[in-house]
Amino acid sequence: MASRIAPHLVLTMFTHNRCQLCVTAKEALEVVRQRVPFEIKEVDIRQPGNEKWFEEYKFDVPVIHANDEFLLWHRVNVNDTVAKLQEILKNAVREQNDNDDNL
């Protein structure tokens, strides 16, 4: 039997230092984290090496990815975000179970 590893969420927040919506989004994400555990990484799109993200999101920060997939942008609605993250986790467990069944 394969050993199970609990699904893990990593949120990446694309931001920059003059983004007031980003401050509000971070506060909302802390509330979300009380209900759904996740790790969060911040990427300052204005820093050297992040040119790709600057070009993609320069007018849209904050942008949040969950496990490297787009999740949301601009404003974080706590209940909607919790529901989306729970769905991602549920799908990850389902996929893991399907993979175990194929062993």
PDB file of N, CA and C in Angstrom:
ATOM      1  N   MET A   1       0.846  -1.185   0.000  1.00  0.00           N
ATOM      2  CA  MET A   1       0.000   0.000   0.000  1.00  0.00           C
ATOM      3  C   MET A   1       0.889   1.245   0.000  1.00  0.00           C
ATOM      4  N   ALA A   2       0.558   2.195  -0.804  1.00  0.00           N
ATOM      5  CA  ALA A   2       1.339   3.436  -0.898  1.00  0.00           C
ATOM      6  C   ALA A   2       1.101   4.294   0.333  1.00  0.00           C
ATOM      7  N   SER A   3       2.155   4.956   0.773  1.00  0.00           N
ATOM      8  CA  SER A   3       1.980   5.863   1.914  1.00  0.00           C
ATOM      9  C   SER A   3       1.323   7.146   1.438  1.00  0.00           C
ATOM     10  N   ARG A   4       0.450   7.650   2.268  1.00  0.00           N
ATOM     11  CA  ARG A   4      -0.294   8.855   1.903  1.00  0.00           C
ATOM     12  C   ARG A   4       0.367  10.081   2.497  1.00  0.00           C
ATOM     13  N   ILE A   5       0.422  11.094   1.689  1.00  0.00           N
ATOM     14  CA  ILE A   5       0.898  12.396   2.138  1.00  0.00           C
ATOM     15  C   ILE A   5      -0.279  13.347   2.007  1.00  0.00           C
ATOM     16  N   ALA A   6      -0.581  14.038   3.083  1.00  0.00           N
ATOM     17  CA  ALA A   6      -1.705  14.973   3.052  1.00  0.00           C
ATOM     18  C   ALA A   6      -1.430  16.063   2.021  1.00  0.00           C
ATOM     19  N   PRO A   7      -2.442  16.434   1.245  1.00  0.00           N
ATOM     20  CA  PRO A   7      -2.265  17.521   0.288  1.00  0.00           C
ATOM     21  C   PRO A   7      -1.818  18.794   1.004  1.00  0.00           C
ATOM     22  N   HIS A   8      -0.981  19.532   0.340  1.00  0.00           N
ATOM     23  CA  HIS A   8      -0.403  20.748   0.910  1.00  0.00           C
ATOM     24  C   HIS A   8      -0.696  21.912  -0.029  1.00  0.00           C
ATOM     25  N   LEU A   9      -1.140  23.005   0.530  1.00  0.00           N
ATOM     26  CA  LEU A   9      -1.415  24.201  -0.268  1.00  0.00           C
ATOM     27  C   LEU A   9      -0.292  25.212  -0.106  1.00  0.00           C
ATOM     28  N   VAL A  10       0.169  25.717  -1.230  1.00  0.00           N
ATOM     29  CA  VAL A  10       1.117  26.823  -1.234  1.00  0.00           C
ATOM     30  C   VAL A  10       0.482  27.940  -2.046  1.00  0.00           C
ATOM     31  N   LEU A  11       0.237  29.057  -1.383  1.00  0.00           N
ATOM     32  CA  LEU A  11      -0.287  30.226  -2.069  1.00  0.00           C
ATOM     33  C   LEU A  11       0.867  31.165  -2.385  1.00  0.00           C
ATOM     34  N   THR A  12       0.863  31.686  -3.596  1.00  0.00           N
ATOM     35  CA  THR A  12       1.841  32.682  -4.013  1.00  0.00           C
ATOM     36  C   THR A  12       1.086  33.969  -4.264  1.00  0.00           C
ATOM     37  N   MET A  13       1.518  35.023  -3.592  1.00  0.00           N
ATOM     38  CA  MET A  13       0.879  36.327  -3.743  1.00  0.00           C
ATOM     39  C   MET A  13       1.821  37.237  -4.520  1.00  0.00           C
ATOM     40  N   PHE A  14       1.377  37.652  -5.692  1.00  0.00           N
ATOM     41  CA  PHE A  14       2.141  38.582  -6.512  1.00  0.00           C
ATOM     42  C   PHE A  14       1.748  39.989  -6.084  1.00  0.00           C
ATOM     43  N   THR A  15       2.735  40.786  -5.729  1.00  0.00           N
ATOM     44  CA  THR A  15       2.507  42.058  -5.066  1.00  0.00           C
ATOM     45  C   THR A  15       3.595  43.053  -5.450  1.00  0.00           C
ATOM     46  N   HIS A  16       3.519  44.253  -4.913  1.00  0.00           N
ATOM     47  CA  HIS A  16       4.636  45.198  -4.911  1.00  0.00           C
ATOM     48  C   HIS A  16       4.444  46.135  -3.732  1.00  0.00           C
ATOM     49  N   ASN A  17       5.465  46.889  -3.401  1.00  0.00           N
ATOM     50  CA  ASN A  17       5.464  47.642  -2.142  1.00  0.00           C
ATOM     51  C   ASN A  17       4.521  48.840  -2.103  1.00  0.00           C
ATOM     52  N   ARG A  18       3.916  49.229  -3.186  1.00  0.00           N
ATOM     53  CA  ARG A  18       2.994  50.366  -3.170  1.00  0.00           C
ATOM     54  C   ARG A  18       1.557  49.924  -3.424  1.00  0.00           C
ATOM     55  N   CYS A  19       1.248  48.714  -3.059  1.00  0.00           N
ATOM     56  CA  CYS A  19      -0.059  48.125  -3.351  1.00  0.00           C
ATOM     57  C   CYS A  19      -0.911  48.082  -2.086  1.00  0.00           C
ATOM     58  N   GLN A  20      -1.841  49.007  -1.959  1.00  0.00           N
ATOM     59  CA  GLN A  20      -2.708  49.027  -0.782  1.00  0.00           C
ATOM     60  C   GLN A  20      -3.681  47.845  -0.777  1.00  0.00           C
ATOM     61  N   LEU A  21      -4.168  47.449  -1.938  1.00  0.00           N
ATOM     62  CA  LEU A  21      -5.037  46.267  -1.997  1.00  0.00           C
ATOM     63  C   LEU A  21      -4.308  45.019  -1.498  1.00  0.00           C
ATOM     64  N   CYS A  22      -2.994  44.990  -1.673  1.00  0.00           N
ATOM     65  CA  CYS A  22      -2.204  43.840  -1.217  1.00  0.00           C
ATOM     66  C   CYS A  22      -2.205  43.745   0.303  1.00  0.00           C
ATOM     67  N   VAL A  23      -2.157  44.880   0.977  1.00  0.00           N
ATOM     68  CA  VAL A  23      -2.200  44.890   2.442  1.00  0.00           C
ATOM     69  C   VAL A  23      -3.526  44.301   2.916  1.00  0.00           C
ATOM     70  N   THR A  24      -4.605  44.742   2.312  1.00  0.00           N
ATOM     71  CA  THR A  24      -5.934  44.239   2.655  1.00  0.00           C
ATOM     72  C   THR A  24      -6.048  42.747   2.334  1.00  0.00           C
ATOM     73  N   ALA A  25      -5.495  42.341   1.197  1.00  0.00           N
ATOM     74  CA  ALA A  25      -5.541  40.928   0.805  1.00  0.00           C
ATOM     75  C   ALA A  25      -4.778  40.062   1.802  1.00  0.00           C
ATOM     76  N   LYS A  26      -3.612  40.527   2.254  1.00  0.00           N
ATOM     77  CA  LYS A  26      -2.827  39.764   3.242  1.00  0.00           C
ATOM     78  C   LYS A  26      -3.618  39.575   4.533  1.00  0.00           C
ATOM     79  N   GLU A  27      -4.302  40.622   4.959  1.00  0.00           N
ATOM     80  CA  GLU A  27      -5.119  40.522   6.177  1.00  0.00           C
ATOM     81  C   GLU A  27      -6.229  39.490   5.993  1.00  0.00           C
ATOM     82  N   ALA A  28      -6.884  39.522   4.845  1.00  0.00           N
ATOM     83  CA  ALA A  28      -7.954  38.557   4.570  1.00  0.00           C
ATOM     84  C   ALA A  28      -7.402  37.135   4.495  1.00  0.00           C
ATOM     85  N   LEU A  29      -6.216  36.973   3.906  1.00  0.00           N
ATOM     86  CA  LEU A  29      -5.622  35.641   3.811  1.00  0.00           C
ATOM     87  C   LEU A  29      -5.277  35.070   5.182  1.00  0.00           C
ATOM     88  N   GLU A  30      -4.939  35.923   6.124  1.00  0.00           N
ATOM     89  CA  GLU A  30      -4.681  35.440   7.486  1.00  0.00           C
ATOM     90  C   GLU A  30      -5.957  34.878   8.111  1.00  0.00           C
ATOM     91  N   VAL A  31      -7.090  35.486   7.804  1.00  0.00           N
ATOM     92  CA  VAL A  31      -8.377  34.961   8.281  1.00  0.00           C
ATOM     93  C   VAL A  31      -8.664  33.625   7.593  1.00  0.00           C
ATOM     94  N   VAL A  32      -8.420  33.562   6.298  1.00  0.00           N
ATOM     95  CA  VAL A  32      -8.619  32.315   5.553  1.00  0.00           C
ATOM     96  C   VAL A  32      -7.750  31.209   6.147  1.00  0.00           C
ATOM     97  N   ARG A  33      -6.508  31.534   6.479  1.00  0.00           N
ATOM     98  CA  ARG A  33      -5.562  30.526   6.980  1.00  0.00           C
ATOM     99  C   ARG A  33      -6.015  29.921   8.312  1.00  0.00           C
ATOM    100  N   GLN A  34      -6.859  30.619   9.047  1.00  0.00           N
ATOM    101  CA  GLN A  34      -7.400  30.058  10.284  1.00  0.00           C
ATOM    102  C   GLN A  34      -8.373  28.915   9.994  1.00  0.00           C
ATOM    103  N   ARG A  35      -8.908  28.892   8.786  1.00  0.00           N
ATOM    104  CA  ARG A  35      -9.881  27.861   8.412  1.00  0.00           C
ATOM    105  C   ARG A  35      -9.306  26.796   7.481  1.00  0.00           C
ATOM    106  N   VAL A  36      -8.327  27.176   6.683  1.00  0.00           N
ATOM    107  CA  VAL A  36      -7.686  26.246   5.747  1.00  0.00           C
ATOM    108  C   VAL A  36      -6.179  26.502   5.823  1.00  0.00           C
ATOM    109  N   PRO A  37      -5.408  25.524   6.275  1.00  0.00           N
ATOM    110  CA  PRO A  37      -3.966  25.760   6.410  1.00  0.00           C
ATOM    111  C   PRO A  37      -3.275  25.849   5.047  1.00  0.00           C
ATOM    112  N   PHE A  38      -2.335  26.767   4.947  1.00  0.00           N
ATOM    113  CA  PHE A  38      -1.530  26.897   3.737  1.00  0.00           C
ATOM    114  C   PHE A  38      -0.251  27.654   4.066  1.00  0.00           C
ATOM    115  N   GLU A  39       0.701  27.484   3.187  1.00  0.00           N
ATOM    116  CA  GLU A  39       1.944  28.250   3.223  1.00  0.00           C
ATOM    117  C   GLU A  39       1.761  29.402   2.241  1.00  0.00           C
ATOM    118  N   ILE A  40       2.331  30.552   2.537  1.00  0.00           N
ATOM    119  CA  ILE A  40       2.219  31.670   1.601  1.00  0.00           C
ATOM    120  C   ILE A  40       3.602  32.205   1.266  1.00  0.00           C
ATOM    121  N   LYS A  41       3.781  32.472  -0.014  1.00  0.00           N
ATOM    122  CA  LYS A  41       5.005  33.088  -0.513  1.00  0.00           C
ATOM    123  C   LYS A  41       4.604  34.396  -1.185  1.00  0.00           C
ATOM    124  N   GLU A  42       5.444  35.397  -1.043  1.00  0.00           N
ATOM    125  CA  GLU A  42       5.193  36.669  -1.714  1.00  0.00           C
ATOM    126  C   GLU A  42       6.229  36.879  -2.803  1.00  0.00           C
ATOM    127  N   VAL A  43       5.766  37.361  -3.944  1.00  0.00           N
ATOM    128  CA  VAL A  43       6.644  37.687  -5.053  1.00  0.00           C
ATOM    129  C   VAL A  43       6.419  39.155  -5.386  1.00  0.00           C
ATOM    130  N   ASP A  44       7.454  39.969  -5.175  1.00  0.00           N
ATOM    131  CA  ASP A  44       7.396  41.387  -5.534  1.00  0.00           C
ATOM    132  C   ASP A  44       7.692  41.489  -7.022  1.00  0.00           C
ATOM    133  N   ILE A  45       6.672  41.815  -7.795  1.00  0.00           N
ATOM    134  CA  ILE A  45       6.811  41.815  -9.250  1.00  0.00           C
ATOM    135  C   ILE A  45       7.761  42.892  -9.757  1.00  0.00           C
ATOM    136  N   ARG A  46       8.141  43.843  -8.909  1.00  0.00           N
ATOM    137  CA  ARG A  46       9.057  44.910  -9.320  1.00  0.00           C
ATOM    138  C   ARG A  46      10.522  44.587  -9.040  1.00  0.00           C
ATOM    139  N   GLN A  47      10.776  43.453  -8.419  1.00  0.00           N
ATOM    140  CA  GLN A  47      12.155  43.067  -8.110  1.00  0.00           C
ATOM    141  C   GLN A  47      12.822  42.433  -9.333  1.00  0.00           C
ATOM    142  N   PRO A  48      14.141  42.636  -9.473  1.00  0.00           N
ATOM    143  CA  PRO A  48      14.867  41.996 -10.576  1.00  0.00           C
ATOM    144  C   PRO A  48      14.646  40.482 -10.560  1.00  0.00           C
ATOM    145  N   GLY A  49      14.474  39.935 -11.734  1.00  0.00           N
ATOM    146  CA  GLY A  49      14.212  38.504 -11.860  1.00  0.00           C
ATOM    147  C   GLY A  49      12.738  38.169 -11.960  1.00  0.00           C
ATOM    148  N   ASN A  50      11.883  39.145 -11.681  1.00  0.00           N
ATOM    149  CA  ASN A  50      10.434  38.908 -11.724  1.00  0.00           C
ATOM    150  C   ASN A  50       9.764  39.636 -12.884  1.00  0.00           C
ATOM    151  N   GLU A  51      10.530  39.902 -13.935  1.00  0.00           N
ATOM    152  CA  GLU A  51      10.012  40.658 -15.078  1.00  0.00           C
ATOM    153  C   GLU A  51       8.806  39.982 -15.724  1.00  0.00           C
ATOM    154  N   LYS A  52       8.839  38.656 -15.797  1.00  0.00           N
ATOM    155  CA  LYS A  52       7.707  37.917 -16.377  1.00  0.00           C
ATOM    156  C   LYS A  52       6.424  38.253 -15.630  1.00  0.00           C
ATOM    157  N   TRP A  53       6.501  38.235 -14.293  1.00  0.00           N
ATOM    158  CA  TRP A  53       5.310  38.500 -13.483  1.00  0.00           C
ATOM    159  C   TRP A  53       4.915  39.968 -13.550  1.00  0.00           C
ATOM    160  N   PHE A  54       5.888  40.857 -13.659  1.00  0.00           N
ATOM    161  CA  PHE A  54       5.570  42.275 -13.810  1.00  0.00           C
ATOM    162  C   PHE A  54       4.767  42.495 -15.090  1.00  0.00           C
ATOM    163  N   GLU A  55       5.242  41.920 -16.184  1.00  0.00           N
ATOM    164  CA  GLU A  55       4.538  42.086 -17.459  1.00  0.00           C
ATOM    165  C   GLU A  55       3.128  41.504 -17.403  1.00  0.00           C
ATOM    166  N   GLU A  56       2.981  40.399 -16.721  1.00  0.00           N
ATOM    167  CA  GLU A  56       1.677  39.735 -16.664  1.00  0.00           C
ATOM    168  C   GLU A  56       0.700  40.422 -15.713  1.00  0.00           C
ATOM    169  N   TYR A  57       1.205  40.939 -14.578  1.00  0.00           N
ATOM    170  CA  TYR A  57       0.311  41.394 -13.514  1.00  0.00           C
ATOM    171  C   TYR A  57       0.489  42.849 -13.099  1.00  0.00           C
ATOM    172  N   LYS A  58       1.208  43.653 -13.862  1.00  0.00           N
ATOM    173  CA  LYS A  58       1.529  45.015 -13.415  1.00  0.00           C
ATOM    174  C   LYS A  58       0.308  45.860 -13.076  1.00  0.00           C
ATOM    175  N   PHE A  59      -0.826  45.601 -13.689  1.00  0.00           N
ATOM    176  CA  PHE A  59      -2.030  46.389 -13.407  1.00  0.00           C
ATOM    177  C   PHE A  59      -3.043  45.623 -12.550  1.00  0.00           C
ATOM    178  N   ASP A  60      -2.675  44.464 -12.058  1.00  0.00           N
ATOM    179  CA  ASP A  60      -3.669  43.594 -11.434  1.00  0.00           C
ATOM    180  C   ASP A  60      -3.345  43.118 -10.029  1.00  0.00           C
ATOM    181  N   VAL A  61      -2.237  43.527  -9.442  1.00  0.00           N
ATOM    182  CA  VAL A  61      -1.909  43.027  -8.100  1.00  0.00           C
ATOM    183  C   VAL A  61      -2.930  43.504  -7.085  1.00  0.00           C
ATOM    184  N   PRO A  62      -3.198  42.708  -6.074  1.00  0.00           N
ATOM    185  CA  PRO A  62      -2.611  41.407  -5.823  1.00  0.00           C
ATOM    186  C   PRO A  62      -3.223  40.312  -6.692  1.00  0.00           C
ATOM    187  N   VAL A  63      -2.382  39.354  -7.021  1.00  0.00           N
ATOM    188  CA  VAL A  63      -2.816  38.144  -7.712  1.00  0.00           C
ATOM    189  C   VAL A  63      -2.361  36.978  -6.849  1.00  0.00           C
ATOM    190  N   ILE A  64      -3.245  36.015  -6.663  1.00  0.00           N
ATOM    191  CA  ILE A  64      -2.944  34.859  -5.825  1.00  0.00           C
ATOM    192  C   ILE A  64      -2.999  33.589  -6.677  1.00  0.00           C
ATOM    193  N   HIS A  65      -1.948  32.785  -6.577  1.00  0.00           N
ATOM    194  CA  HIS A  65      -1.934  31.448  -7.168  1.00  0.00           C
ATOM    195  C   HIS A  65      -1.997  30.438  -6.030  1.00  0.00           C
ATOM    196  N   ALA A  66      -2.644  29.328  -6.263  1.00  0.00           N
ATOM    197  CA  ALA A  66      -2.655  28.204  -5.317  1.00  0.00           C
ATOM    198  C   ALA A  66      -1.989  27.025  -6.010  1.00  0.00           C
ATOM    199  N   ASN A  67      -0.892  26.556  -5.423  1.00  0.00           N
ATOM    200  CA  ASN A  67      -0.117  25.462  -6.022  1.00  0.00           C
ATOM    201  C   ASN A  67       0.172  25.730  -7.498  1.00  0.00           C
ATOM    202  N   ASP A  68       0.629  26.943  -7.766  1.00  0.00           N
ATOM    203  CA  ASP A  68       1.076  27.384  -9.094  1.00  0.00           C
ATOM    204  C   ASP A  68      -0.042  27.556 -10.117  1.00  0.00           C
ATOM    205  N   GLU A  69      -1.282  27.565  -9.676  1.00  0.00           N
ATOM    206  CA  GLU A  69      -2.420  27.810 -10.567  1.00  0.00           C
ATOM    207  C   GLU A  69      -3.135  29.078 -10.115  1.00  0.00           C
ATOM    208  N   PHE A  70      -3.580  29.880 -11.078  1.00  0.00           N
ATOM    209  CA  PHE A  70      -4.303  31.112 -10.752  1.00  0.00           C
ATOM    210  C   PHE A  70      -5.486  30.802  -9.842  1.00  0.00           C
ATOM    211  N   LEU A  71      -5.635  31.602  -8.794  1.00  0.00           N
ATOM    212  CA  LEU A  71      -6.760  31.450  -7.867  1.00  0.00           C
ATOM    213  C   LEU A  71      -7.662  32.672  -7.904  1.00  0.00           C
ATOM    214  N   LEU A  72      -7.078  33.861  -7.718  1.00  0.00           N
ATOM    215  CA  LEU A  72      -7.892  35.079  -7.683  1.00  0.00           C
ATOM    216  C   LEU A  72      -6.999  36.302  -7.834  1.00  0.00           C
ATOM    217  N   TRP A  73      -7.663  37.440  -7.997  1.00  0.00           N
ATOM    218  CA  TRP A  73      -6.927  38.693  -8.047  1.00  0.00           C
ATOM    219  C   TRP A  73      -7.746  39.806  -7.434  1.00  0.00           C
ATOM    220  N   HIS A  74      -7.097  40.895  -7.154  1.00  0.00           N
ATOM    221  CA  HIS A  74      -7.637  42.136  -6.609  1.00  0.00           C
ATOM    222  C   HIS A  74      -8.117  42.010  -5.170  1.00  0.00           C
ATOM    223  N   ARG A  75      -9.289  41.480  -4.947  1.00  0.00           N
ATOM    224  CA  ARG A  75      -9.840  41.417  -3.586  1.00  0.00           C
ATOM    225  C   ARG A  75     -10.038  39.971  -3.147  1.00  0.00           C
ATOM    226  N   VAL A  76      -9.760  39.729  -1.870  1.00  0.00           N
ATOM    227  CA  VAL A  76      -9.915  38.392  -1.303  1.00  0.00           C
ATOM    228  C   VAL A  76     -11.202  38.362  -0.490  1.00  0.00           C
ATOM    229  N   ASN A  77     -12.182  37.610  -0.975  1.00  0.00           N
ATOM    230  CA  ASN A  77     -13.395  37.362  -0.211  1.00  0.00           C
ATOM    231  C   ASN A  77     -13.130  36.109   0.618  1.00  0.00           C
ATOM    232  N   VAL A  78     -13.184  36.240   1.930  1.00  0.00           N
ATOM    233  CA  VAL A  78     -12.789  35.145   2.819  1.00  0.00           C
ATOM    234  C   VAL A  78     -13.585  33.875   2.539  1.00  0.00           C
ATOM    235  N   ASN A  79     -14.899  33.952   2.535  1.00  0.00           N
ATOM    236  CA  ASN A  79     -15.721  32.744   2.355  1.00  0.00           C
ATOM    237  C   ASN A  79     -15.505  32.105   0.992  1.00  0.00           C
ATOM    238  N   ASP A  80     -15.431  32.916  -0.055  1.00  0.00           N
ATOM    239  CA  ASP A  80     -15.193  32.373  -1.397  1.00  0.00           C
ATOM    240  C   ASP A  80     -13.823  31.709  -1.488  1.00  0.00           C
ATOM    241  N   THR A  81     -12.827  32.336  -0.878  1.00  0.00           N
ATOM    242  CA  THR A  81     -11.471  31.792  -0.933  1.00  0.00           C
ATOM    243  C   THR A  81     -11.375  30.493  -0.149  1.00  0.00           C
ATOM    244  N   VAL A  82     -12.001  30.441   1.013  1.00  0.00           N
ATOM    245  CA  VAL A  82     -12.033  29.194   1.789  1.00  0.00           C
ATOM    246  C   VAL A  82     -12.664  28.086   0.946  1.00  0.00           C
ATOM    247  N   ALA A  83     -13.787  28.372   0.317  1.00  0.00           N
ATOM    248  CA  ALA A  83     -14.474  27.361  -0.497  1.00  0.00           C
ATOM    249  C   ALA A  83     -13.591  26.888  -1.652  1.00  0.00           C
ATOM    250  N   LYS A  84     -12.909  27.811  -2.312  1.00  0.00           N
ATOM    251  CA  LYS A  84     -12.031  27.440  -3.428  1.00  0.00           C
ATOM    252  C   LYS A  84     -10.874  26.567  -2.950  1.00  0.00           C
ATOM    253  N   LEU A  85     -10.268  26.934  -1.829  1.00  0.00           N
ATOM    254  CA  LEU A  85      -9.142  26.156  -1.309  1.00  0.00           C
ATOM    255  C   LEU A  85      -9.589  24.775  -0.841  1.00  0.00           C
ATOM    256  N   GLN A  86     -10.754  24.699  -0.215  1.00  0.00           N
ATOM    257  CA  GLN A  86     -11.278  23.392   0.195  1.00  0.00           C
ATOM    258  C   GLN A  86     -11.536  22.511  -1.022  1.00  0.00           C
ATOM    259  N   GLU A  87     -12.009  23.096  -2.091  1.00  0.00           N
ATOM    260  CA  GLU A  87     -12.249  22.344  -3.327  1.00  0.00           C
ATOM    261  C   GLU A  87     -10.929  21.836  -3.916  1.00  0.00           C
ATOM    262  N   ILE A  88      -9.900  22.669  -3.895  1.00  0.00           N
ATOM    263  CA  ILE A  88      -8.584  22.245  -4.385  1.00  0.00           C
ATOM    264  C   ILE A  88      -8.079  21.059  -3.571  1.00  0.00           C
ATOM    265  N   LEU A  89      -8.206  21.146  -2.253  1.00  0.00           N
ATOM    266  CA  LEU A  89      -7.759  20.047  -1.389  1.00  0.00           C
ATOM    267  C   LEU A  89      -8.566  18.777  -1.638  1.00  0.00           C
ATOM    268  N   LYS A  90      -9.878  18.933  -1.789  1.00  0.00           N
ATOM    269  CA  LYS A  90     -10.741  17.777  -2.047  1.00  0.00           C
ATOM    270  C   LYS A  90     -10.345  17.100  -3.359  1.00  0.00           C
ATOM    271  N   ASN A  91     -10.084  17.892  -4.386  1.00  0.00           N
ATOM    272  CA  ASN A  91      -9.670  17.338  -5.672  1.00  0.00           C
ATOM    273  C   ASN A  91      -8.311  16.652  -5.573  1.00  0.00           C
ATOM    274  N   ALA A  92      -7.409  17.213  -4.770  1.00  0.00           N
ATOM    275  CA  ALA A  92      -6.088  16.602  -4.590  1.00  0.00           C
ATOM    276  C   ALA A  92      -6.213  15.244  -3.907  1.00  0.00           C
ATOM    277  N   VAL A  93      -7.087  15.149  -2.909  1.00  0.00           N
ATOM    278  CA  VAL A  93      -7.310  13.870  -2.225  1.00  0.00           C
ATOM    279  C   VAL A  93      -7.927  12.869  -3.193  1.00  0.00           C
ATOM    280  N   ARG A  94      -8.895  13.311  -3.973  1.00  0.00           N
ATOM    281  CA  ARG A  94      -9.542  12.427  -4.949  1.00  0.00           C
ATOM    282  C   ARG A  94      -8.513  11.916  -5.966  1.00  0.00           C
ATOM    283  N   GLU A  95      -7.662  12.810  -6.445  1.00  0.00           N
ATOM    284  CA  GLU A  95      -6.634  12.410  -7.405  1.00  0.00           C
ATOM    285  C   GLU A  95      -5.651  11.424  -6.769  1.00  0.00           C
ATOM    286  N   GLN A  96      -5.293  11.679  -5.527  1.00  0.00           N
ATOM    287  CA  GLN A  96      -4.390  10.780  -4.810  1.00  0.00           C
ATOM    288  C   GLN A  96      -5.029   9.393  -4.657  1.00  0.00           C
ATOM    289  N   ASN A  97      -6.312   9.362  -4.318  1.00  0.00           N
ATOM    290  CA  ASN A  97      -7.025   8.086  -4.184  1.00  0.00           C
ATOM    291  C   ASN A  97      -7.089   7.351  -5.515  1.00  0.00           C
ATOM    292  N   ASP A  98      -7.345   8.084  -6.594  1.00  0.00           N
ATOM    293  CA  ASP A  98      -7.380   7.473  -7.922  1.00  0.00           C
ATOM    294  C   ASP A  98      -6.024   6.876  -8.274  1.00  0.00           C
ATOM    295  N   ASN A  99      -4.960   7.600  -7.948  1.00  0.00           N
ATOM    296  CA  ASN A  99      -3.613   7.093  -8.222  1.00  0.00           C
ATOM    297  C   ASN A  99      -3.318   5.846  -7.398  1.00  0.00           C
ATOM    298  N   ASP A 100      -3.765   5.832  -6.139  1.00  0.00           N
ATOM    299  CA  ASP A 100      -3.567   4.657  -5.285  1.00  0.00           C
ATOM    300  C   ASP A 100      -4.318   3.448  -5.841  1.00  0.00           C
ATOM    301  N   ASP A 101      -5.507   3.685  -6.386  1.00  0.00           N
ATOM    302  CA  ASP A 101      -6.306   2.595  -6.947  1.00  0.00           C
ATOM    303  C   ASP A 101      -5.635   1.982  -8.172  1.00  0.00           C
ATOM    304  N   ASN A 102      -4.813   2.766  -8.859  1.00  0.00           N
ATOM    305  CA  ASN A 102      -4.157   2.292 -10.077  1.00  0.00           C
ATOM    306  C   ASN A 102      -2.829   1.594  -9.800  1.00  0.00           C
ATOM    307  N   LEU A 103      -2.442   1.502  -8.539  1.00  0.00           N
ATOM    308  CA  LEU A 103      -1.164   0.831  -8.208  1.00  0.00           C
ATOM    309  C   LEU A 103      -1.315  -0.668  -8.202  1.00  0.00           C
TER     310      LEU A 103
END
